[in-house]
């Protein structure tokens, strides 16, 4: 089952710079930066009616990617822990 993606959705201008920095930090670049924005948008933000995206699957993916990046960073930089 594919996540529901609103093809007309565009990230807010105020978030674009942060999304670009995040892509540089993780070394991965998205063809469609709106998918990254949706994946990093918490469902509570959607539930507040501030955004009508159904992004639970993308949020789960985003949480998993962040966990992977942080785990790798900790593993490589703090080998004694």
Protein backbone atom coordinates (compact mmCIF):
# COMPACT_ATOMS: atom_id res chain seq x y z
CA UNK A 1 0.00 0.00 0.00
CA UNK A 2 1.45 3.37 -1.00
CA UNK A 3 1.31 6.31 1.38
CA UNK A 4 -1.17 8.97 0.40
CA UNK A 5 0.78 11.82 -1.10
CA UNK A 6 -0.72 15.17 -1.87
CA UNK A 7 0.99 16.06 -5.13
CA UNK A 8 0.05 19.73 -4.72
CA UNK A 9 1.73 19.95 -1.28
CA UNK A 10 4.76 22.22 -1.01
CA UNK A 11 6.82 22.79 2.15
CA UNK A 12 6.60 26.23 3.76
CA UNK A 13 9.37 28.58 2.65
CA UNK A 14 10.53 28.81 6.27
CA UNK A 15 11.21 25.03 6.31
CA UNK A 16 13.03 24.70 2.99
CA UNK A 17 16.39 25.86 4.34
CA UNK A 18 16.19 23.46 7.27
CA UNK A 19 15.22 20.59 4.98
CA UNK A 20 18.18 21.38 2.71
CA UNK A 21 20.53 21.42 5.73
CA UNK A 22 19.11 18.10 6.93
CA UNK A 23 19.70 16.53 3.51
CA UNK A 24 23.32 17.74 3.58
CA UNK A 25 23.78 16.42 7.12
CA UNK A 26 22.53 12.93 6.29
CA UNK A 27 24.11 12.90 2.84
CA UNK A 28 20.85 11.95 1.10
CA UNK A 29 19.01 14.16 -1.35
CA UNK A 30 15.34 13.75 -2.19
CA UNK A 31 14.02 14.29 -5.70
CA UNK A 32 10.82 15.57 -4.10
CA UNK A 33 11.65 17.50 -0.94
CA UNK A 34 7.95 17.64 -0.04
CA UNK A 35 8.13 13.91 0.78
CA UNK A 36 10.92 14.62 3.26
CA UNK A 37 8.85 17.39 4.81
CA UNK A 38 5.82 15.12 5.08
CA UNK A 39 7.92 12.32 6.60
CA UNK A 40 9.24 14.69 9.26
CA UNK A 41 5.85 16.19 10.11
CA UNK A 42 4.45 14.72 13.31
CA UNK A 43 0.87 13.48 13.29
CA UNK A 44 -0.05 15.83 16.13
CA UNK A 45 0.60 18.73 13.74
CA UNK A 46 -1.73 17.13 11.22
CA UNK A 47 -4.33 16.41 13.94
CA UNK A 48 -4.39 20.08 14.95
CA UNK A 49 -5.90 20.84 11.56
CA UNK A 50 -2.87 22.87 10.51
CA UNK A 51 -2.22 20.47 7.69
CA UNK A 52 -4.54 17.95 6.01
CA UNK A 53 -1.94 15.39 5.01
CA UNK A 54 -2.30 11.75 5.93
CA UNK A 55 1.33 11.04 6.65
CA UNK A 56 1.49 8.31 9.28
CA UNK A 57 3.46 5.93 7.04
CA UNK A 58 5.84 8.67 5.95
CA UNK A 59 6.23 9.78 9.57
CA UNK A 60 7.13 6.20 10.55
CA UNK A 61 9.72 6.13 7.76
CA UNK A 62 11.08 9.51 8.84
CA UNK A 63 11.40 8.35 12.46
CA UNK A 64 13.20 5.22 11.28
CA UNK A 65 15.65 7.19 9.13
CA UNK A 66 16.41 9.59 11.98
CA UNK A 67 16.96 6.62 14.31
CA UNK A 68 19.33 5.04 11.80
CA UNK A 69 21.35 8.23 11.34
CA UNK A 70 21.62 8.85 15.08
CA UNK A 71 22.53 5.21 15.78
CA UNK A 72 25.31 5.30 13.19
CA UNK A 73 26.64 8.59 14.58
CA UNK A 74 26.70 7.27 18.16
CA UNK A 75 28.22 3.94 17.10
CA UNK A 76 31.02 5.57 15.11
CA UNK A 77 31.77 8.46 17.47
CA UNK A 78 31.32 6.81 20.88
CA UNK A 79 32.67 3.26 20.54
CA UNK A 80 33.14 2.83 24.30
CA UNK A 81 29.44 3.22 25.12
